[in-house]
């Protein structure tokens, strides 16, 4: 499991989704969270990946595979829950959960990014598949750091579970 998270300069990011079914209300209705996504496979460059984004458990959009493309920019509405599913033929799917909720009085924030490394479909064929269904990361607002970050405790616990169960 590989995960990389970074951020850019603080600022407001005005939503480009005003006419795309964005029916949000509240102080963040016109804002979005830019998320850079980088996908590798078996530790190296890859292409022909599909990124499916679920917003509040419904398919919001899908980025179809393109040759020689493994980096994507997602623009996610604020104050929503997202699951990003990354898939490639012959590899295990990976998911990242993103909670874009902000405190009501917060209007400045950094963009965020993550990287996932896809493993061959047969790599964990003999292990307990239960643990492979969990997201690779959870990204959410951190009030102390004043930015969106991955939940380090979640990742540490997930890695411990993998070791404990023979992955």
Foldseek 3Di string as FASTA:
>chain_A
DFKDKDWDDKDFAFDPCPPVPQPDDADQSGTWAKEKEFEAEPPHRDFQKKKFKAWQNHTPDIDGTDPPDGMDIDTGRAQIKMKIWIDDPQWDIAIEIEGRYDPRVDRMEIHMYMYDYTYGPCPCVPWDCPLVPDHCWYWYADPVVRYIDTDPVVNVVSVVVCVVGPD
